[in-house]
Protein backbone atom coordinates (compact mmCIF):
# COMPACT_ATOMS: atom_id res chain seq x y z
CA MET A 1 -15.01 -1.13 -0.26
CA LYS A 2 -12.23 -1.92 -2.70
CA VAL A 3 -10.03 -4.96 -2.15
CA ILE A 4 -6.63 -4.25 -3.67
CA PRO A 5 -4.01 -6.96 -4.19
CA VAL A 6 -0.43 -6.19 -3.20
CA ILE A 7 2.90 -7.18 -4.69
CA ASP A 8 6.13 -6.51 -2.81
CA ILE A 9 9.21 -6.43 -5.02
CA LEU A 10 12.68 -7.06 -3.61
CA GLY A 11 15.72 -8.06 -5.61
CA GLY A 12 13.60 -7.74 -8.73
CA ILE A 13 11.17 -10.51 -7.75
CA VAL A 14 7.90 -10.68 -5.82
CA VAL A 15 8.48 -11.66 -2.20
CA HIS A 16 6.35 -12.68 0.77
CA ALA A 17 6.55 -9.74 3.15
CA VAL A 18 6.35 -10.62 6.85
CA LYS A 19 6.32 -8.09 9.70
CA GLY A 20 8.68 -5.63 8.02
CA ARG A 21 11.71 -7.91 8.45
CA ARG A 22 12.95 -7.31 4.92
CA ASN A 23 16.22 -9.20 5.31
CA GLU A 24 14.12 -12.33 5.95
CA TYR A 25 11.68 -12.00 3.04
CA GLN A 26 11.44 -15.09 0.86
CA PRO A 27 10.30 -15.47 -2.78
CA LEU A 28 6.53 -15.51 -3.13
CA ASN A 29 4.83 -18.91 -2.88
CA SER A 30 1.31 -18.39 -4.20
CA VAL A 31 -1.72 -20.47 -5.13
CA ILE A 32 -2.46 -17.82 -7.74
CA CYS A 33 0.80 -17.81 -9.67
CA LYS A 34 3.88 -20.05 -9.65
CA SER A 35 6.12 -17.28 -10.99
CA THR A 36 7.84 -14.60 -8.91
CA TYR A 37 8.33 -12.25 -11.87
CA PRO A 38 6.31 -9.12 -11.08
CA VAL A 39 4.58 -8.82 -14.47
CA GLU A 40 3.48 -12.47 -14.45
CA VAL A 41 2.19 -12.23 -10.88
CA ALA A 42 0.31 -9.05 -11.81
CA GLU A 43 -1.18 -10.71 -14.90
CA SER A 44 -2.46 -13.59 -12.74
CA LEU A 45 -4.09 -11.09 -10.36
CA LYS A 46 -5.61 -9.17 -13.26
CA ALA A 47 -7.15 -12.40 -14.56
CA LEU A 48 -9.04 -12.61 -11.25
CA GLU A 49 -10.78 -9.33 -12.19
CA PHE A 50 -9.06 -6.95 -9.80
CA SER A 51 -8.75 -3.46 -11.28
CA GLU A 52 -6.16 -1.79 -9.04
CA LEU A 53 -2.78 -3.02 -7.86
CA TYR A 54 -0.65 -1.80 -4.96
CA VAL A 55 3.06 -2.15 -5.67
CA ALA A 56 5.80 -1.68 -3.09
CA ASP A 57 9.22 -1.44 -4.74
CA LEU A 58 11.26 -2.39 -1.69
CA ASP A 59 14.50 -2.04 -3.66
CA ALA A 60 13.71 1.65 -4.17
CA ILE A 61 12.23 2.13 -0.69
CA THR A 62 15.47 0.84 0.87
CA GLY A 63 17.68 3.20 -1.12
CA GLY A 64 17.98 1.69 -4.57
CA CYS A 65 16.87 3.18 -7.87
CA PRO A 66 13.20 3.02 -8.88
CA ASN A 67 12.58 0.44 -11.63
CA PHE A 68 10.78 2.74 -14.05
CA SER A 69 10.80 0.27 -16.95
CA LEU A 70 9.12 -2.36 -14.76
CA TYR A 71 6.38 0.07 -13.71
CA LYS A 72 5.66 0.85 -17.35
CA LYS A 73 5.49 -2.89 -18.18
CA LEU A 74 3.15 -3.52 -15.26
CA ALA A 75 0.81 -0.75 -16.41
CA ASN A 76 0.94 -1.48 -20.14
CA LYS A 77 0.80 -5.30 -20.04
CA THR A 78 -1.82 -5.71 -17.32
CA GLY A 79 -4.01 -2.61 -17.60
CA PHE A 80 -3.95 -2.22 -13.83
CA GLU A 81 -4.34 1.16 -12.21
CA LEU A 82 -1.07 1.19 -10.28
CA MET A 83 -0.67 2.68 -6.83
CA LEU A 84 3.06 2.65 -6.21
CA ASP A 85 5.36 3.21 -3.27
CA ALA A 86 8.91 3.65 -4.50
CA GLY A 87 10.18 5.79 -1.65
CA VAL A 88 9.89 9.05 -3.58
CA THR A 89 10.98 12.21 -1.78
CA SER A 90 10.93 14.75 -4.62
CA ILE A 91 8.52 16.21 -7.15
CA GLU A 92 10.88 15.19 -9.97
CA ALA A 93 10.87 11.54 -8.89
CA ALA A 94 7.09 11.53 -8.53
CA LYS A 95 6.67 13.06 -11.98
CA LYS A 96 8.83 10.31 -13.48
CA LEU A 97 6.62 7.68 -11.86
CA PHE A 98 3.54 9.25 -13.47
CA ASP A 99 5.38 9.36 -16.80
CA ASN A 100 5.94 5.59 -16.54
CA GLY A 101 2.36 4.43 -16.11
CA VAL A 102 1.74 4.95 -12.40
CA GLU A 103 -1.79 6.13 -11.58
CA LYS A 104 -1.26 7.11 -7.94
CA VAL A 105 2.01 7.85 -6.18
CA ILE A 106 2.28 6.78 -2.56
CA ILE A 107 4.33 8.92 -0.21
CA GLY A 108 5.32 6.70 2.70
CA THR A 109 6.24 8.27 6.02
CA GLU A 110 9.08 5.75 6.34
CA ASN A 111 11.02 7.61 3.63
CA LEU A 112 9.60 11.09 4.13
CA LEU A 113 12.34 13.64 4.83
CA SER A 114 10.07 16.64 5.27
CA LYS A 115 6.35 17.00 5.89
CA SER A 116 6.35 19.94 3.48
CA PHE A 117 6.95 17.53 0.59
CA VAL A 118 3.44 16.15 1.08
CA ALA A 119 1.93 19.64 0.75
CA ASN A 120 4.07 20.37 -2.30
CA ALA A 121 3.07 17.11 -3.98
CA ILE A 122 -0.64 17.74 -3.35
CA GLU A 123 -0.31 21.26 -4.76
CA PHE A 124 1.63 20.07 -7.82
CA PHE A 125 -0.26 16.88 -8.73
CA GLY A 126 -3.61 17.18 -6.92
CA SER A 127 -5.10 15.13 -4.10
CA GLU A 128 -6.48 12.44 -6.45
CA LYS A 129 -2.97 11.48 -7.57
CA ILE A 130 -1.19 11.43 -4.21
CA MET A 131 -1.71 8.94 -1.40
CA VAL A 132 0.03 9.13 1.96
CA SER A 133 1.00 5.92 3.72
CA LEU A 134 1.17 6.15 7.50
CA ASP A 135 3.85 3.50 8.05
CA LEU A 136 3.44 2.09 11.53
CA MET A 137 5.57 -0.15 13.71
CA ARG A 138 4.37 -1.10 17.20
CA GLY A 139 1.78 1.67 17.10
CA ARG A 140 4.25 4.44 16.24
CA VAL A 141 4.93 6.20 12.97
CA LEU A 142 8.10 5.36 11.08
CA SER A 143 9.58 8.60 9.77
CA LYS A 144 12.80 10.47 9.09
CA PHE A 145 11.56 13.96 9.88
CA GLU A 146 11.18 13.68 13.68
CA PRO A 147 14.19 13.81 16.04
CA ASN A 148 13.53 10.33 17.34
CA LYS A 149 12.01 9.06 14.05
CA LEU A 150 8.67 8.59 15.75
CA ALA A 151 5.48 10.64 15.77
CA GLU A 152 2.03 10.43 17.27
CA PRO A 153 -0.21 8.93 14.54
CA MET A 154 -3.31 11.12 15.06
CA VAL A 155 -1.30 14.35 15.29
CA LEU A 156 0.42 13.56 12.02
CA LEU A 157 -2.81 12.49 10.31
CA ARG A 158 -4.45 15.79 11.25
CA LYS A 159 -1.46 17.62 9.79
CA PHE A 160 -1.73 15.70 6.53
CA LYS A 161 -5.44 16.44 6.38
CA GLU A 162 -4.70 20.17 6.76
CA MET A 163 -2.34 19.86 3.78
CA GLY A 164 -5.17 18.59 1.59
CA VAL A 165 -4.46 14.85 1.71
CA SER A 166 -7.63 12.95 0.82
CA GLN A 167 -6.29 9.37 0.57
CA ILE A 168 -4.52 7.75 3.50
CA ILE A 169 -3.12 4.24 3.89
CA LEU A 170 -2.76 2.89 7.42
CA LEU A 171 0.05 0.37 6.93
CA ASP A 172 0.94 -1.66 10.00
CA LEU A 173 4.30 -3.15 9.06
CA GLU A 174 4.43 -5.29 12.19
CA LYS A 175 1.27 -7.07 11.06
CA VAL A 176 2.15 -7.45 7.36
CA GLY A 177 2.06 -11.10 6.32
CA SER A 178 1.01 -12.24 9.79
CA GLY A 179 -2.71 -12.85 9.34
CA GLU A 180 -3.16 -11.50 12.88
CA GLY A 181 -5.92 -9.09 11.93
CA VAL A 182 -5.93 -5.33 11.57
CA ASN A 183 -5.98 -2.87 14.47
CA LYS A 184 -9.69 -2.12 14.48
CA LEU A 185 -9.56 0.20 17.50
CA PHE A 186 -7.12 2.52 15.76
CA LEU A 187 -9.07 2.17 12.53
CA LYS A 188 -12.29 3.28 14.24
CA GLU A 189 -10.52 6.28 15.76
CA VAL A 190 -9.07 7.40 12.43
CA ILE A 191 -12.36 7.02 10.57
CA ALA A 192 -14.19 8.96 13.30
CA LYS A 193 -11.71 11.83 13.40
CA ILE A 194 -10.15 12.11 9.93
CA GLU A 195 -12.33 12.87 6.91
CA ALA A 196 -10.53 11.06 4.11
CA ARG A 197 -10.56 7.87 2.08
CA ILE A 198 -8.95 5.39 4.45
CA TYR A 199 -7.12 2.32 3.18
CA VAL A 200 -5.75 -0.33 5.52
CA GLY A 201 -2.94 -2.81 5.05
CA GLY A 202 -1.19 -5.37 7.22
CA GLY A 203 -2.63 -8.49 8.80
CA VAL A 204 -5.98 -8.83 7.01
CA GLN A 205 -7.23 -12.27 8.06
CA ASP A 206 -10.15 -13.44 5.98
CA ILE A 207 -13.45 -12.59 4.30
CA LYS A 208 -15.13 -12.06 7.67
CA GLU A 209 -12.63 -9.38 8.60
CA LEU A 210 -12.94 -7.72 5.20
CA LEU A 211 -16.67 -7.39 5.80
CA GLU A 212 -16.07 -6.06 9.31
CA ILE A 213 -13.73 -3.29 8.18
CA LYS A 214 -16.04 -2.49 5.27
CA ASN A 215 -18.79 -1.88 7.82
CA LEU A 216 -16.45 0.40 9.76
CA GLY A 217 -16.20 2.65 6.70
CA VAL A 218 -12.84 1.60 5.25
CA PHE A 219 -12.50 2.69 1.61
CA GLY A 220 -9.91 0.11 0.56
CA ALA A 221 -8.19 -2.99 1.96
CA LEU A 222 -4.72 -4.05 0.84
CA VAL A 223 -4.37 -7.82 0.74
CA ALA A 224 -1.42 -10.06 -0.04
CA THR A 225 -0.74 -13.08 2.18
CA ALA A 226 -4.39 -14.10 2.67
CA LEU A 227 -4.92 -13.89 -1.08
CA HIS A 228 -1.77 -15.77 -2.10
CA SER A 229 -2.36 -18.48 0.52
CA GLY A 230 -5.93 -19.02 -0.68
CA THR A 231 -7.48 -17.96 2.66
CA ILE A 232 -9.29 -15.23 0.75
CA SER A 233 -10.45 -16.42 -2.63
CA PRO A 234 -11.87 -14.31 -5.47
CA GLU A 235 -14.86 -16.68 -5.57
CA LYS A 236 -15.72 -15.97 -1.92
CA MET A 237 -15.19 -12.25 -2.52
CA LYS A 238 -17.66 -12.30 -5.39
CA GLN A 239 -20.22 -14.15 -3.27
CA VAL A 240 -20.21 -11.35 -0.67
CA GLY A 241 -19.95 -8.48 -3.14
CA LEU A 242 -16.31 -7.55 -2.57
CA LEU A 243 -15.22 -8.20 -6.16
């Protein structure tokens, strides 16, 4: 299982994301890096021997313009393979992300206007380049393409699978930054019923939980708060074969 560090960018700096309450996010306070500048935080994470980096550009996700020059700096200066959520809803926007150093574009359901965009993106770029993030809040899917902005998670996951999606992130926004633990019951159900590479984010507690979800068959775990607080250390990860 891959452990992938996360940086959330809001107002041009790295912030500590907590439970999806973006108006309350504070600048990152990390044992890994004293800076909040995204490139410097990423360089500190790269020095710990991580190879991939998940970036959420919350400025773009909430309606602002993607920071293409920053993405290029992150890729070129750190050498990370970037997986990026910038709220893209068009092939043209996704193409520009790839042109600026992004390795994998994340299509988040929170910003998705039409399910057909997922199929179009898979057809245009291929399933290795596109990841779909199932953005969850209180067990329901955040979306803009359903009348009530909610959808049944398993129904939607099956639809994505039919479209050729092979990489899925289960992102529980209500648990982000909480350290409350991931929803293992839902995780087990998804792994049992959906044949895809499953990544999980939101609430990862500690090394013990990382090992538990690895044993469940999770392909990748997204970690931020536990890493920046020192609860999960690279040294401990190396000891148990997670880094």
